Amino acid sequence: MTAPNSLITTRFNATSTAEDVVAGLDLSSVRAIVTGASSGIGLETARALASAGAEVTLAVCNTDAGAKAAEDIAKSTRNERVRVTALDLANQASVANFVQNWNGPLHLLINNAGIIPSTLSRTAEGWELQFATNYLGHFTLSLGLHDALAVGARERGEARIVSVSSTAHMRSPVVFDDIHFERREYDPQAAYAQSKTADSLFTVEATRRWAADGIVANAVNPGGVATELQRDFTQKQKDYLAAAEAAGVFVYKTVEQGATTTLVAAVAPEFAHTGGHYLTDGQEAHTVPNDADLFKNGDGVKQWAIDPDTAQKLWTVSLELIGQAAA
């Protein structure tokens, strides 16, 4: 349903679980890809989809961990249509290989994988690793799978992309004049924030370009969940997270609760044909000014993360970075 302020609402909230979202659904006709699905939120997202009958591909960097996750999912859901495929989002050749080897329609692409290294690292192209992995790899993947998604949309009446963003997006816009920290001092939290803003902006422009093909994209904030994403945190990063929790920016969720909003964007009827939205706790978030304090507005989305003009600019810059002609 749509609330008076035009924000899209659902029956789910911060305490709902992924299982709640898929309860009673038959997704046996759905083919889904979940990146970073060997652990954490990605694993629970894949499990929920499989539990409703979907064919799920775990797109993972560590295929040994992915195989264990797939075995666990198949056993717990009694769905054998779970497979593992190698995907290193920081490696454009790996992304291209994944796309080349994908056959048939695709109905659901969950761009879930993410990293937060504590020190500056770069790809072979010289790109800052978080931007390259969290955003650019998913951008290239989505571009390459567009035709498969379009086929899926014609077949099923809809196809969706879900990009996992974060409350952290409030800490930084995309800094176009120094995306890769070539001149400014490196701050891993700022780099993560920039990549999460980019993930949200992607959904705005992807929907504008691809809605006519039946493809919509939405961004989600899973909330505070303790996963392997934080394994390399410095003490400074841990202290910041603790301060945010103490300020009430978030309350820690279980991984099953953390996967909820991803599943809402993926399967809830309210988001079947509309995109470019940022969701938190199962609902479309309200927009706050760019100068809004993160600690006081953790359930909102900053304008810089959903601005259409900025989204178009990022798309153009991204195409240039990956060496593709503007389209």
C-alpha atoms as a PDB file:
ATOM      1  CA  MET A   1       0.000   0.000   0.000  1.00  0.00           C
ATOM      2  CA  THR A   2       1.014   3.621  -0.412  1.00  0.00           C
ATOM      3  CA  ALA A   3       1.007   5.948   2.574  1.00  0.00           C
ATOM      4  CA  PRO A   4      -0.323   9.514   2.410  1.00  0.00           C
ATOM      5  CA  ASN A   5       3.216  10.854   2.001  1.00  0.00           C
ATOM      6  CA  SER A   6       3.578   8.593  -1.081  1.00  0.00           C
ATOM      7  CA  LEU A   7       6.206   6.390   0.501  1.00  0.00           C
ATOM      8  CA  ILE A   8       5.705   2.691  -0.217  1.00  0.00           C
ATOM      9  CA  THR A   9       4.960   0.670   2.895  1.00  0.00           C
ATOM     10  CA  THR A  10       4.636  -3.065   3.521  1.00  0.00           C
ATOM     11  CA  ARG A  11       3.531  -5.263   6.413  1.00  0.00           C
ATOM     12  CA  PHE A  12       7.137  -6.005   7.354  1.00  0.00           C
ATOM     13  CA  ASN A  13       9.315  -4.206   9.877  1.00  0.00           C
ATOM     14  CA  ALA A  14      12.640  -4.324  11.714  1.00  0.00           C
ATOM     15  CA  THR A  15      11.736  -7.509  13.580  1.00  0.00           C
ATOM     16  CA  SER A  16      10.498  -9.442  10.542  1.00  0.00           C
ATOM     17  CA  THR A  17      12.646 -12.219   9.139  1.00  0.00           C
ATOM     18  CA  ALA A  18      13.491 -13.347   5.623  1.00  0.00           C
ATOM     19  CA  GLU A  19      11.336 -16.410   6.252  1.00  0.00           C
ATOM     20  CA  ASP A  20       8.376 -14.141   7.041  1.00  0.00           C
ATOM     21  CA  VAL A  21       8.716 -12.412   3.674  1.00  0.00           C
ATOM     22  CA  VAL A  22       8.730 -15.592   1.569  1.00  0.00           C
ATOM     23  CA  ALA A  23       6.147 -17.487   3.642  1.00  0.00           C
ATOM     24  CA  GLY A  24       3.480 -18.936   1.359  1.00  0.00           C
ATOM     25  CA  LEU A  25       5.208 -17.867  -1.861  1.00  0.00           C
ATOM     26  CA  ASP A  26       5.883 -20.200  -4.771  1.00  0.00           C
ATOM     27  CA  LEU A  27       9.108 -19.036  -6.434  1.00  0.00           C
ATOM     28  CA  SER A  28       9.714 -22.241  -8.383  1.00  0.00           C
ATOM     29  CA  SER A  29       9.616 -20.279 -11.643  1.00  0.00           C
ATOM     30  CA  VAL A  30      12.269 -17.823 -10.441  1.00  0.00           C
ATOM     31  CA  ARG A  31      15.961 -17.951 -11.326  1.00  0.00           C
ATOM     32  CA  ALA A  32      18.009 -15.841  -8.935  1.00  0.00           C
ATOM     33  CA  ILE A  33      21.635 -14.817  -8.458  1.00  0.00           C
ATOM     34  CA  VAL A  34      22.911 -13.720  -5.049  1.00  0.00           C
ATOM     35  CA  THR A  35      26.440 -12.314  -4.863  1.00  0.00           C
ATOM     36  CA  GLY A  36      28.432 -12.861  -1.694  1.00  0.00           C
ATOM     37  CA  ALA A  37      26.104 -15.668  -0.671  1.00  0.00           C
ATOM     38  CA  SER A  38      28.552 -17.890   1.194  1.00  0.00           C
ATOM     39  CA  SER A  39      27.914 -16.214   4.554  1.00  0.00           C
ATOM     40  CA  GLY A  40      25.958 -13.555   6.411  1.00  0.00           C
ATOM     41  CA  ILE A  41      23.025 -11.752   4.865  1.00  0.00           C
ATOM     42  CA  GLY A  42      23.735 -13.165   1.420  1.00  0.00           C
ATOM     43  CA  LEU A  43      23.548 -16.717   2.704  1.00  0.00           C
ATOM     44  CA  GLU A  44      20.227 -16.096   4.458  1.00  0.00           C
ATOM     45  CA  THR A  45      18.841 -14.320   1.403  1.00  0.00           C
ATOM     46  CA  ALA A  46      19.738 -17.289  -0.788  1.00  0.00           C
ATOM     47  CA  ARG A  47      18.306 -19.702   1.775  1.00  0.00           C
ATOM     48  CA  ALA A  48      14.978 -17.855   1.903  1.00  0.00           C
ATOM     49  CA  LEU A  49      14.676 -17.815  -1.877  1.00  0.00           C
ATOM     50  CA  ALA A  50      15.513 -21.505  -2.092  1.00  0.00           C
ATOM     51  CA  SER A  51      13.014 -22.315   0.661  1.00  0.00           C
ATOM     52  CA  ALA A  52      10.292 -20.883  -1.581  1.00  0.00           C
ATOM     53  CA  GLY A  53      11.445 -23.029  -4.484  1.00  0.00           C
ATOM     54  CA  ALA A  54      13.647 -20.653  -6.469  1.00  0.00           C
ATOM     55  CA  GLU A  55      16.665 -21.777  -8.461  1.00  0.00           C
ATOM     56  CA  VAL A  56      19.515 -19.915  -6.785  1.00  0.00           C
ATOM     57  CA  THR A  57      23.064 -19.300  -7.986  1.00  0.00           C
ATOM     58  CA  LEU A  58      25.558 -18.365  -5.299  1.00  0.00           C
ATOM     59  CA  ALA A  59      28.028 -16.013  -6.998  1.00  0.00           C
ATOM     60  CA  VAL A  60      31.046 -16.087  -4.715  1.00  0.00           C
ATOM     61  CA  CYS A  61      34.758 -15.391  -4.655  1.00  0.00           C
ATOM     62  CA  ASN A  62      35.560 -18.391  -2.449  1.00  0.00           C
ATOM     63  CA  THR A  63      33.946 -21.364  -4.172  1.00  0.00           C
ATOM     64  CA  ASP A  64      34.895 -23.772  -1.369  1.00  0.00           C
ATOM     65  CA  ALA A  65      32.926 -21.674   1.112  1.00  0.00           C
ATOM     66  CA  GLY A  66      30.195 -21.335  -1.509  1.00  0.00           C
ATOM     67  CA  ALA A  67      29.964 -25.105  -1.921  1.00  0.00           C
ATOM     68  CA  LYS A  68      29.526 -25.547   1.823  1.00  0.00           C
ATOM     69  CA  ALA A  69      26.833 -22.848   1.834  1.00  0.00           C
ATOM     70  CA  ALA A  70      25.027 -24.463  -1.086  1.00  0.00           C
ATOM     71  CA  GLU A  71      25.088 -27.841   0.641  1.00  0.00           C
ATOM     72  CA  ASP A  72      23.707 -26.261   3.799  1.00  0.00           C
ATOM     73  CA  ILE A  73      20.947 -24.467   1.882  1.00  0.00           C
ATOM     74  CA  ALA A  74      19.965 -27.558  -0.082  1.00  0.00           C
ATOM     75  CA  LYS A  75      19.805 -29.620   3.106  1.00  0.00           C
ATOM     76  CA  SER A  76      17.818 -27.079   5.120  1.00  0.00           C
ATOM     77  CA  THR A  77      15.353 -26.224   2.330  1.00  0.00           C
ATOM     78  CA  ARG A  78      15.190 -29.580   0.508  1.00  0.00           C
ATOM     79  CA  ASN A  79      15.772 -27.643  -2.690  1.00  0.00           C
ATOM     80  CA  GLU A  80      18.534 -29.117  -4.834  1.00  0.00           C
ATOM     81  CA  ARG A  81      18.435 -26.255  -7.345  1.00  0.00           C
ATOM     82  CA  VAL A  82      21.264 -24.383  -5.654  1.00  0.00           C
ATOM     83  CA  ARG A  83      24.543 -23.967  -7.495  1.00  0.00           C
ATOM     84  CA  VAL A  84      27.829 -22.167  -7.004  1.00  0.00           C
ATOM     85  CA  THR A  85      29.692 -20.053  -9.557  1.00  0.00           C
ATOM     86  CA  ALA A  86      32.964 -18.187  -9.130  1.00  0.00           C
ATOM     87  CA  LEU A  87      32.758 -14.399  -9.161  1.00  0.00           C
ATOM     88  CA  ASP A  88      35.440 -11.931  -8.095  1.00  0.00           C
ATOM     89  CA  LEU A  89      33.765  -8.537  -8.298  1.00  0.00           C
ATOM     90  CA  ALA A  90      37.107  -6.733  -8.069  1.00  0.00           C
ATOM     91  CA  ASN A  91      38.246  -8.487 -11.242  1.00  0.00           C
ATOM     92  CA  GLN A  92      36.493  -7.294 -14.384  1.00  0.00           C
ATOM     93  CA  ALA A  93      37.616 -10.406 -16.291  1.00  0.00           C
ATOM     94  CA  SER A  94      35.942 -12.582 -13.659  1.00  0.00           C
ATOM     95  CA  VAL A  95      32.729 -10.593 -14.006  1.00  0.00           C
ATOM     96  CA  ALA A  96      32.867 -10.911 -17.798  1.00  0.00           C
ATOM     97  CA  ASN A  97      33.422 -14.661 -17.495  1.00  0.00           C
ATOM     98  CA  PHE A  98      30.442 -15.022 -15.158  1.00  0.00           C
ATOM     99  CA  VAL A  99      28.216 -13.131 -17.580  1.00  0.00           C
ATOM    100  CA  GLN A 100      29.461 -15.116 -20.573  1.00  0.00           C
ATOM    101  CA  ASN A 101      28.677 -18.392 -18.840  1.00  0.00           C
ATOM    102  CA  TRP A 102      25.176 -17.412 -17.759  1.00  0.00           C
ATOM    103  CA  ASN A 103      22.532 -19.125 -19.859  1.00  0.00           C
ATOM    104  CA  GLY A 104      18.827 -18.484 -20.068  1.00  0.00           C
ATOM    105  CA  PRO A 105      16.540 -15.997 -18.345  1.00  0.00           C
ATOM    106  CA  LEU A 106      17.200 -14.274 -15.051  1.00  0.00           C
ATOM    107  CA  HIS A 107      14.433 -12.950 -12.830  1.00  0.00           C
ATOM    108  CA  LEU A 108      16.252 -11.723  -9.767  1.00  0.00           C
ATOM    109  CA  LEU A 109      19.742 -10.276  -9.281  1.00  0.00           C
ATOM    110  CA  ILE A 110      20.744  -9.598  -5.688  1.00  0.00           C
ATOM    111  CA  ASN A 111      23.874  -7.421  -5.602  1.00  0.00           C
ATOM    112  CA  ASN A 112      24.712  -8.261  -2.019  1.00  0.00           C
ATOM    113  CA  ALA A 113      28.492  -8.763  -1.750  1.00  0.00           C
ATOM    114  CA  GLY A 114      30.593  -6.125  -0.023  1.00  0.00           C
ATOM    115  CA  ILE A 115      33.910  -5.521   1.685  1.00  0.00           C
ATOM    116  CA  ILE A 116      35.376  -3.029   4.172  1.00  0.00           C
ATOM    117  CA  PRO A 117      39.173  -3.358   4.243  1.00  0.00           C
ATOM    118  CA  SER A 118      40.955  -1.340   6.899  1.00  0.00           C
ATOM    119  CA  THR A 119      43.717  -0.077   4.600  1.00  0.00           C
ATOM    120  CA  LEU A 120      43.898   1.318   1.094  1.00  0.00           C
ATOM    121  CA  SER A 121      44.011  -1.349  -1.608  1.00  0.00           C
ATOM    122  CA  ARG A 122      43.695  -1.018  -5.357  1.00  0.00           C
ATOM    123  CA  THR A 123      42.709  -3.230  -8.270  1.00  0.00           C
ATOM    124  CA  ALA A 124      44.919  -3.839 -11.294  1.00  0.00           C
ATOM    125  CA  GLU A 125      43.254  -0.808 -12.893  1.00  0.00           C
ATOM    126  CA  GLY A 126      44.223   1.372  -9.930  1.00  0.00           C
ATOM    127  CA  TRP A 127      40.654   1.615  -8.659  1.00  0.00           C
ATOM    128  CA  GLU A 128      40.050   1.906  -4.924  1.00  0.00           C
ATOM    129  CA  LEU A 129      39.069  -1.603  -3.858  1.00  0.00           C
ATOM    130  CA  GLN A 130      35.793  -0.849  -2.076  1.00  0.00           C
ATOM    131  CA  PHE A 131      34.407   1.211  -4.940  1.00  0.00           C
ATOM    132  CA  ALA A 132      35.603  -1.436  -7.395  1.00  0.00           C
ATOM    133  CA  THR A 133      34.088  -4.351  -5.476  1.00  0.00           C
ATOM    134  CA  ASN A 134      30.995  -2.985  -3.803  1.00  0.00           C
ATOM    135  CA  TYR A 135      29.872  -0.885  -6.738  1.00  0.00           C
ATOM    136  CA  LEU A 136      31.756  -1.169 -10.050  1.00  0.00           C
ATOM    137  CA  GLY A 137      31.797  -4.963 -10.094  1.00  0.00           C
ATOM    138  CA  HIS A 138      28.059  -5.036  -9.532  1.00  0.00           C
ATOM    139  CA  PHE A 139      27.547  -2.316 -12.126  1.00  0.00           C
ATOM    140  CA  THR A 140      29.384  -4.368 -14.751  1.00  0.00           C
ATOM    141  CA  LEU A 141      27.577  -7.533 -13.678  1.00  0.00           C
ATOM    142  CA  SER A 142      24.171  -5.886 -13.945  1.00  0.00           C
ATOM    143  CA  LEU A 143      25.004  -4.414 -17.338  1.00  0.00           C
ATOM    144  CA  GLY A 144      26.143  -7.786 -18.616  1.00  0.00           C
ATOM    145  CA  LEU A 145      23.030  -9.551 -17.341  1.00  0.00           C
ATOM    146  CA  HIS A 146      20.588  -6.958 -18.670  1.00  0.00           C
ATOM    147  CA  ASP A 147      19.488  -9.093 -21.609  1.00  0.00           C
ATOM    148  CA  ALA A 148      18.940 -12.134 -19.397  1.00  0.00           C
ATOM    149  CA  LEU A 149      16.876  -9.997 -17.033  1.00  0.00           C
ATOM    150  CA  ALA A 150      14.866  -8.627 -19.957  1.00  0.00           C
ATOM    151  CA  VAL A 151      14.104 -12.171 -21.083  1.00  0.00           C
ATOM    152  CA  GLY A 152      13.119 -13.017 -17.532  1.00  0.00           C
ATOM    153  CA  ALA A 153      10.812 -10.008 -17.391  1.00  0.00           C
ATOM    154  CA  ARG A 154       9.081 -11.022 -20.621  1.00  0.00           C
ATOM    155  CA  GLU A 155       8.711 -14.551 -19.337  1.00  0.00           C
ATOM    156  CA  ARG A 156       7.453 -13.752 -15.844  1.00  0.00           C
ATOM    157  CA  GLY A 157       6.110 -10.215 -16.151  1.00  0.00           C
ATOM    158  CA  GLU A 158       8.841  -8.714 -13.966  1.00  0.00           C
ATOM    159  CA  ALA A 159      12.548  -8.805 -13.204  1.00  0.00           C
ATOM    160  CA  ARG A 160      14.223  -7.134 -10.269  1.00  0.00           C
ATOM    161  CA  ILE A 161      17.660  -6.020  -9.152  1.00  0.00           C
ATOM    162  CA  VAL A 162      18.339  -5.423  -5.480  1.00  0.00           C
ATOM    163  CA  SER A 163      21.442  -3.484  -4.445  1.00  0.00           C
ATOM    164  CA  VAL A 164      22.512  -3.707  -0.816  1.00  0.00           C
ATOM    165  CA  SER A 165      23.383  -0.225   0.421  1.00  0.00           C
ATOM    166  CA  SER A 166      23.823   0.933   4.016  1.00  0.00           C
ATOM    167  CA  THR A 167      23.112   3.687   6.508  1.00  0.00           C
ATOM    168  CA  ALA A 168      26.806   4.412   5.966  1.00  0.00           C
ATOM    169  CA  HIS A 169      25.856   6.122   2.684  1.00  0.00           C
ATOM    170  CA  MET A 170      25.087   9.176   4.806  1.00  0.00           C
ATOM    171  CA  ARG A 171      28.794   9.709   5.468  1.00  0.00           C
ATOM    172  CA  SER A 172      29.767  10.466   1.877  1.00  0.00           C
ATOM    173  CA  PRO A 173      28.423  11.276  -1.568  1.00  0.00           C
ATOM    174  CA  VAL A 174      30.278  10.014  -4.630  1.00  0.00           C
ATOM    175  CA  VAL A 175      33.320  12.308  -4.767  1.00  0.00           C
ATOM    176  CA  PHE A 176      33.618  12.539  -8.540  1.00  0.00           C
ATOM    177  CA  ASP A 177      36.840  14.539  -8.576  1.00  0.00           C
ATOM    178  CA  ASP A 178      38.662  11.903  -6.498  1.00  0.00           C
ATOM    179  CA  ILE A 179      36.661   8.675  -6.502  1.00  0.00           C
ATOM    180  CA  HIS A 180      39.727   6.491  -6.018  1.00  0.00           C
ATOM    181  CA  PHE A 181      41.448   8.434  -3.225  1.00  0.00           C
ATOM    182  CA  GLU A 182      44.365   9.494  -5.367  1.00  0.00           C
ATOM    183  CA  ARG A 183      44.634  12.897  -3.694  1.00  0.00           C
ATOM    184  CA  ARG A 184      42.619  12.824  -0.465  1.00  0.00           C
ATOM    185  CA  GLU A 185      43.646  10.935   2.642  1.00  0.00           C
ATOM    186  CA  TYR A 186      42.239   7.445   2.682  1.00  0.00           C
ATOM    187  CA  ASP A 187      39.462   6.774   5.159  1.00  0.00           C
ATOM    188  CA  PRO A 188      38.019   3.229   4.910  1.00  0.00           C
ATOM    189  CA  GLN A 189      34.682   4.349   6.320  1.00  0.00           C
ATOM    190  CA  ALA A 190      34.407   7.195   3.820  1.00  0.00           C
ATOM    191  CA  ALA A 191      35.336   4.820   1.006  1.00  0.00           C
ATOM    192  CA  TYR A 192      32.690   2.348   2.126  1.00  0.00           C
ATOM    193  CA  ALA A 193      30.138   5.148   2.420  1.00  0.00           C
ATOM    194  CA  GLN A 194      30.907   6.363  -1.103  1.00  0.00           C
ATOM    195  CA  SER A 195      30.472   2.865  -2.523  1.00  0.00           C
ATOM    196  CA  LYS A 196      27.122   2.467  -0.760  1.00  0.00           C
ATOM    197  CA  THR A 197      25.893   5.804  -2.089  1.00  0.00           C
ATOM    198  CA  ALA A 198      26.911   4.603  -5.540  1.00  0.00           C
ATOM    199  CA  ASP A 199      24.973   1.352  -5.047  1.00  0.00           C
ATOM    200  CA  SER A 200      21.851   3.364  -4.316  1.00  0.00           C
ATOM    201  CA  LEU A 201      22.352   5.750  -7.232  1.00  0.00           C
ATOM    202  CA  PHE A 202      22.731   2.780  -9.566  1.00  0.00           C
ATOM    203  CA  THR A 203      19.167   1.672  -8.842  1.00  0.00           C
ATOM    204  CA  VAL A 204      17.792   5.088  -9.778  1.00  0.00           C
ATOM    205  CA  GLU A 205      19.406   5.178 -13.204  1.00  0.00           C
ATOM    206  CA  ALA A 206      18.987   1.463 -13.908  1.00  0.00           C
ATOM    207  CA  THR A 207      15.249   1.802 -13.337  1.00  0.00           C
ATOM    208  CA  ARG A 208      15.067   4.893 -15.574  1.00  0.00           C
ATOM    209  CA  ARG A 209      16.864   3.079 -18.369  1.00  0.00           C
ATOM    210  CA  TRP A 210      15.426  -0.406 -17.994  1.00  0.00           C
ATOM    211  CA  ALA A 211      11.875  -0.106 -16.627  1.00  0.00           C
ATOM    212  CA  ALA A 212      10.556  -0.274 -20.185  1.00  0.00           C
ATOM    213  CA  ASP A 213      12.190  -3.710 -20.391  1.00  0.00           C
ATOM    214  CA  GLY A 214      10.327  -4.798 -17.272  1.00  0.00           C
ATOM    215  CA  ILE A 215      13.413  -4.446 -15.063  1.00  0.00           C
ATOM    216  CA  VAL A 216      13.351  -2.379 -11.874  1.00  0.00           C
ATOM    217  CA  ALA A 217      16.073  -1.880  -9.272  1.00  0.00           C
ATOM    218  CA  ASN A 218      15.876  -0.882  -5.626  1.00  0.00           C
ATOM    219  CA  ALA A 219      18.438  -0.265  -2.884  1.00  0.00           C
ATOM    220  CA  VAL A 220      18.151  -1.661   0.623  1.00  0.00           C
ATOM    221  CA  ASN A 221      19.639  -0.921   4.014  1.00  0.00           C
ATOM    222  CA  PRO A 222      19.799  -4.219   5.924  1.00  0.00           C
ATOM    223  CA  GLY A 223      20.436  -2.504   9.250  1.00  0.00           C
ATOM    224  CA  GLY A 224      23.024  -3.419  11.858  1.00  0.00           C
ATOM    225  CA  VAL A 225      24.064  -7.033  11.531  1.00  0.00           C
ATOM    226  CA  ALA A 226      27.261  -8.586  12.888  1.00  0.00           C
ATOM    227  CA  THR A 227      28.810 -10.470   9.939  1.00  0.00           C
ATOM    228  CA  GLU A 228      32.221 -11.211   8.459  1.00  0.00           C
ATOM    229  CA  LEU A 229      32.044  -7.781   6.823  1.00  0.00           C
ATOM    230  CA  GLN A 230      33.478  -6.334  10.034  1.00  0.00           C
ATOM    231  CA  ARG A 231      36.264  -8.904  10.455  1.00  0.00           C
ATOM    232  CA  ASP A 232      39.078  -6.513   9.445  1.00  0.00           C
ATOM    233  CA  PHE A 233      37.849  -3.444  11.325  1.00  0.00           C
ATOM    234  CA  THR A 234      40.422  -1.236  12.989  1.00  0.00           C
ATOM    235  CA  GLN A 235      39.799  -0.118  16.550  1.00  0.00           C
ATOM    236  CA  LYS A 236      38.715   3.266  15.206  1.00  0.00           C
ATOM    237  CA  GLN A 237      36.075   1.599  13.037  1.00  0.00           C
ATOM    238  CA  LYS A 238      34.878  -0.532  15.943  1.00  0.00           C
ATOM    239  CA  ASP A 239      34.643   2.553  18.168  1.00  0.00           C
ATOM    240  CA  TYR A 240      32.611   4.416  15.538  1.00  0.00           C
ATOM    241  CA  LEU A 241      30.208   1.493  15.212  1.00  0.00           C
ATOM    242  CA  ALA A 242      29.827   1.318  18.982  1.00  0.00           C
ATOM    243  CA  ALA A 243      29.113   5.045  19.141  1.00  0.00           C
ATOM    244  CA  ALA A 244      26.484   4.734  16.424  1.00  0.00           C
ATOM    245  CA  GLU A 245      24.796   1.891  18.268  1.00  0.00           C
ATOM    246  CA  ALA A 246      24.867   3.844  21.536  1.00  0.00           C
ATOM    247  CA  ALA A 247      23.297   6.830  19.784  1.00  0.00           C
ATOM    248  CA  GLY A 248      20.407   4.657  18.619  1.00  0.00           C
ATOM    249  CA  VAL A 249      21.304   4.768  14.930  1.00  0.00           C
ATOM    250  CA  PHE A 250      20.630   1.040  14.833  1.00  0.00           C
ATOM    251  CA  VAL A 251      19.845  -1.962  16.986  1.00  0.00           C
ATOM    252  CA  TYR A 252      21.662  -5.141  16.064  1.00  0.00           C
ATOM    253  CA  LYS A 253      19.569  -7.617  14.095  1.00  0.00           C
ATOM    254  CA  THR A 254      20.003 -11.309  13.498  1.00  0.00           C
ATOM    255  CA  VAL A 255      21.156 -12.258  10.009  1.00  0.00           C
ATOM    256  CA  GLU A 256      17.639 -13.567   9.334  1.00  0.00           C
ATOM    257  CA  GLN A 257      16.256 -10.120  10.193  1.00  0.00           C
ATOM    258  CA  GLY A 258      19.041  -8.436   8.255  1.00  0.00           C
ATOM    259  CA  ALA A 259      18.013 -10.251   5.071  1.00  0.00           C
ATOM    260  CA  THR A 260      14.392  -9.122   5.414  1.00  0.00           C
ATOM    261  CA  THR A 261      14.557  -5.848   3.524  1.00  0.00           C
ATOM    262  CA  THR A 262      16.495  -7.476   0.693  1.00  0.00           C
ATOM    263  CA  LEU A 263      13.709 -10.028   0.364  1.00  0.00           C
ATOM    264  CA  VAL A 264      11.039  -7.325   0.490  1.00  0.00           C
ATOM    265  CA  ALA A 265      12.659  -5.566  -2.456  1.00  0.00           C
ATOM    266  CA  ALA A 266      13.113  -8.906  -4.199  1.00  0.00           C
ATOM    267  CA  VAL A 267       9.659 -10.493  -3.896  1.00  0.00           C
ATOM    268  CA  ALA A 268       7.098  -8.213  -2.218  1.00  0.00           C
ATOM    269  CA  PRO A 269       4.374  -7.194  -4.690  1.00  0.00           C
ATOM    270  CA  GLU A 270       4.682  -3.545  -3.669  1.00  0.00           C
ATOM    271  CA  PHE A 271       8.035  -3.334  -5.499  1.00  0.00           C
ATOM    272  CA  ALA A 272       7.295  -5.504  -8.538  1.00  0.00           C
ATOM    273  CA  HIS A 273       7.093  -2.645 -11.011  1.00  0.00           C
ATOM    274  CA  THR A 274       8.613   0.369  -9.311  1.00  0.00           C
ATOM    275  CA  GLY A 275      12.268   1.142  -8.705  1.00  0.00           C
ATOM    276  CA  GLY A 276      14.780   3.745  -7.708  1.00  0.00           C
ATOM    277  CA  HIS A 277      13.689   3.488  -4.088  1.00  0.00           C
ATOM    278  CA  TYR A 278      15.785   3.071  -0.947  1.00  0.00           C
ATOM    279  CA  LEU A 279      14.280   0.708   1.628  1.00  0.00           C
ATOM    280  CA  THR A 280      14.951   0.238   5.310  1.00  0.00           C
ATOM    281  CA  ASP A 281      13.158  -2.061   7.772  1.00  0.00           C
ATOM    282  CA  GLY A 282      10.902  -3.317   4.987  1.00  0.00           C
ATOM    283  CA  GLN A 283       9.654   0.143   4.005  1.00  0.00           C
ATOM    284  CA  GLU A 284      10.637   2.874   1.596  1.00  0.00           C
ATOM    285  CA  ALA A 285      12.749   5.350   3.561  1.00  0.00           C
ATOM    286  CA  HIS A 286      12.028   9.039   3.841  1.00  0.00           C
ATOM    287  CA  THR A 287      14.469  11.462   2.248  1.00  0.00           C
ATOM    288  CA  VAL A 288      16.602  13.719   4.423  1.00  0.00           C
ATOM    289  CA  PRO A 289      18.824  16.674   3.460  1.00  0.00           C
ATOM    290  CA  ASN A 290      22.453  16.076   2.597  1.00  0.00           C
ATOM    291  CA  ASP A 291      23.552  17.870   5.748  1.00  0.00           C
ATOM    292  CA  ALA A 292      21.355  15.737   8.009  1.00  0.00           C
ATOM    293  CA  ASP A 293      23.113  14.141  10.968  1.00  0.00           C
ATOM    294  CA  LEU A 294      23.556  10.393  10.515  1.00  0.00           C
ATOM    295  CA  PHE A 295      23.084   9.663  14.220  1.00  0.00           C
ATOM    296  CA  LYS A 296      19.665  11.355  14.182  1.00  0.00           C
ATOM    297  CA  ASN A 297      18.458  10.090  10.784  1.00  0.00           C
ATOM    298  CA  GLY A 298      19.553   6.482  10.531  1.00  0.00           C
ATOM    299  CA  ASP A 299      16.228   5.387   9.059  1.00  0.00           C
ATOM    300  CA  GLY A 300      16.366   7.893   6.198  1.00  0.00           C
ATOM    301  CA  VAL A 301      18.130   8.285   2.872  1.00  0.00           C
ATOM    302  CA  LYS A 302      20.140  11.333   1.895  1.00  0.00           C
ATOM    303  CA  GLN A 303      19.195  13.155  -1.273  1.00  0.00           C
ATOM    304  CA  TRP A 304      22.636  12.543  -2.773  1.00  0.00           C
ATOM    305  CA  ALA A 305      21.928   8.796  -2.820  1.00  0.00           C
ATOM    306  CA  ILE A 306      18.737   9.031  -4.892  1.00  0.00           C
ATOM    307  CA  ASP A 307      19.280  12.174  -6.987  1.00  0.00           C
ATOM    308  CA  PRO A 308      18.444  11.446 -10.658  1.00  0.00           C
ATOM    309  CA  ASP A 309      21.006  13.852 -12.128  1.00  0.00           C
ATOM    310  CA  THR A 310      23.792  12.438  -9.964  1.00  0.00           C
ATOM    311  CA  ALA A 311      22.686   8.922 -10.890  1.00  0.00           C
ATOM    312  CA  GLN A 312      22.977   9.722 -14.587  1.00  0.00           C
ATOM    313  CA  LYS A 313      26.424  11.244 -14.055  1.00  0.00           C
ATOM    314  CA  LEU A 314      27.627   8.196 -12.131  1.00  0.00           C
ATOM    315  CA  TRP A 315      26.382   5.879 -14.878  1.00  0.00           C
ATOM    316  CA  THR A 316      28.359   7.806 -17.499  1.00  0.00           C
ATOM    317  CA  VAL A 317      31.502   7.865 -15.356  1.00  0.00           C
ATOM    318  CA  SER A 318      31.133   4.164 -14.632  1.00  0.00           C
ATOM    319  CA  LEU A 319      30.886   3.295 -18.318  1.00  0.00           C
ATOM    320  CA  GLU A 320      34.045   5.272 -18.954  1.00  0.00           C
ATOM    321  CA  LEU A 321      35.864   3.478 -16.143  1.00  0.00           C
ATOM    322  CA  ILE A 322      35.013   0.010 -17.437  1.00  0.00           C
ATOM    323  CA  GLY A 323      35.742   0.999 -21.021  1.00  0.00           C
ATOM    324  CA  GLN A 324      32.254   0.778 -22.438  1.00  0.00           C
ATOM    325  CA  ALA A 325      30.683   3.318 -24.762  1.00  0.00           C
ATOM    326  CA  ALA A 326      27.879   5.448 -23.368  1.00  0.00           C
ATOM    327  CA  ALA A 327      24.457   3.977 -24.072  1.00  0.00           C
END
